[in-house]
Amino acid sequence: MKRLIWMMIAIAVAAILYYLSRFWTLSLWPRSGLFGIEELRPQGSLVGQWVRGTDFAPFELLIWAIGAFLILTLLQKLYDLLNPPPE
């Protein structure tokens, strides 16, 4: 049961990271945004939107990759902390 819960958490985090990236191509909700929140636009690419107009805009993909790596590393550390290996 624990593995199923952790797998669902990993899938949810992966979907969120995919939505934040420039590779999201699905339009699953109206243009007004998810739950009426304009910042959650249907075409994704939120990292690009956040860094647009700054000096970091050319490094959007790198910023996303580093952030995804850090988030997945923290998720793995949390899993290891909560599920110690049997001795």
Protein backbone atom coordinates (compact mmCIF):
# COMPACT_ATOMS: atom_id res chain seq x y z
CA MET A 1 0.00 0.00 0.00
CA LYS A 2 2.88 2.36 0.79
CA ARG A 3 4.39 1.77 -2.63
CA LEU A 4 1.12 2.61 -4.33
CA ILE A 5 0.84 5.87 -2.39
CA TRP A 6 4.43 6.82 -3.18
CA MET A 7 3.90 5.92 -6.83
CA MET A 8 0.85 8.19 -6.97
CA ILE A 9 2.88 11.00 -5.37
CA ALA A 10 5.67 10.50 -7.92
CA ILE A 11 3.19 10.55 -10.81
CA ALA A 12 1.58 13.74 -9.49
CA VAL A 13 4.96 15.45 -9.09
CA ALA A 14 6.00 14.34 -12.60
CA ALA A 15 2.77 15.75 -14.06
CA ILE A 16 3.32 19.06 -12.28
CA LEU A 17 6.92 19.25 -13.48
CA TYR A 18 5.79 18.44 -17.02
CA TYR A 19 3.17 21.21 -16.83
CA LEU A 20 5.81 23.70 -15.68
CA SER A 21 8.05 22.84 -18.63
CA ARG A 22 7.87 24.17 -22.17
CA PHE A 23 6.95 20.68 -23.43
CA TRP A 24 3.32 20.76 -22.22
CA THR A 25 1.10 20.80 -25.30
CA LEU A 26 -2.29 19.81 -23.89
CA SER A 27 -5.12 22.31 -23.43
CA LEU A 28 -7.27 20.61 -20.82
CA TRP A 29 -9.00 23.69 -19.40
CA PRO A 30 -10.29 27.01 -20.72
CA ARG A 31 -8.13 30.04 -21.46
CA SER A 32 -9.32 31.71 -18.25
CA GLY A 33 -6.99 29.34 -16.38
CA LEU A 34 -7.36 26.32 -14.14
CA PHE A 35 -10.04 26.96 -11.48
CA GLY A 36 -10.27 30.54 -12.79
CA ILE A 37 -6.65 31.31 -11.87
CA GLU A 38 -5.19 33.19 -14.83
CA GLU A 39 -1.61 32.27 -13.90
CA LEU A 40 -2.39 28.57 -14.50
CA ARG A 41 -2.87 28.90 -18.22
CA PRO A 42 -3.75 25.83 -20.30
CA GLN A 43 -0.63 25.80 -22.49
CA GLY A 44 1.81 25.31 -19.58
CA SER A 45 5.36 26.68 -19.86
CA LEU A 46 5.07 28.48 -16.54
CA VAL A 47 8.83 28.67 -15.99
CA GLY A 48 9.14 30.55 -19.27
CA GLN A 49 6.38 32.90 -18.21
CA TRP A 50 8.02 33.54 -14.83
CA VAL A 51 11.44 34.42 -16.30
CA ARG A 52 10.14 36.34 -19.33
CA GLY A 53 11.55 39.86 -19.41
CA THR A 54 14.49 39.03 -17.12
CA ASP A 55 18.11 38.24 -17.84
CA PHE A 56 17.34 34.58 -17.06
CA ALA A 57 14.91 34.08 -19.98
CA PRO A 58 17.49 32.35 -22.24
CA PHE A 59 18.13 29.83 -19.47
CA GLU A 60 14.50 28.76 -19.00
CA LEU A 61 15.14 25.10 -19.81
CA LEU A 62 18.21 24.94 -17.60
CA ILE A 63 16.32 26.51 -14.70
CA TRP A 64 13.50 24.01 -15.18
CA ALA A 65 15.93 21.05 -15.33
CA ILE A 66 17.78 22.11 -12.18
CA GLY A 67 14.50 22.71 -10.34
CA ALA A 68 13.11 19.34 -11.44
CA PHE A 69 16.30 17.59 -10.34
CA LEU A 70 16.17 19.26 -6.92
CA ILE A 71 12.49 18.47 -6.42
CA LEU A 72 12.94 14.82 -7.39
CA THR A 73 16.03 14.55 -5.17
CA LEU A 74 14.09 15.94 -2.20
CA LEU A 75 11.24 13.54 -2.91
CA GLN A 76 13.71 10.62 -2.92
CA LYS A 77 15.28 11.82 0.36
CA LEU A 78 11.82 12.05 1.92
CA TYR A 79 11.00 8.53 0.74
CA ASP A 80 14.29 7.19 2.16
CA LEU A 81 13.67 8.96 5.46
CA LEU A 82 10.14 7.61 5.86
CA ASN A 83 10.89 4.10 4.58
CA PRO A 84 14.17 2.83 6.04
CA PRO A 85 15.50 -0.40 4.49
CA PRO A 86 14.83 -3.60 6.46
CA GLU A 87 17.78 -4.93 8.40
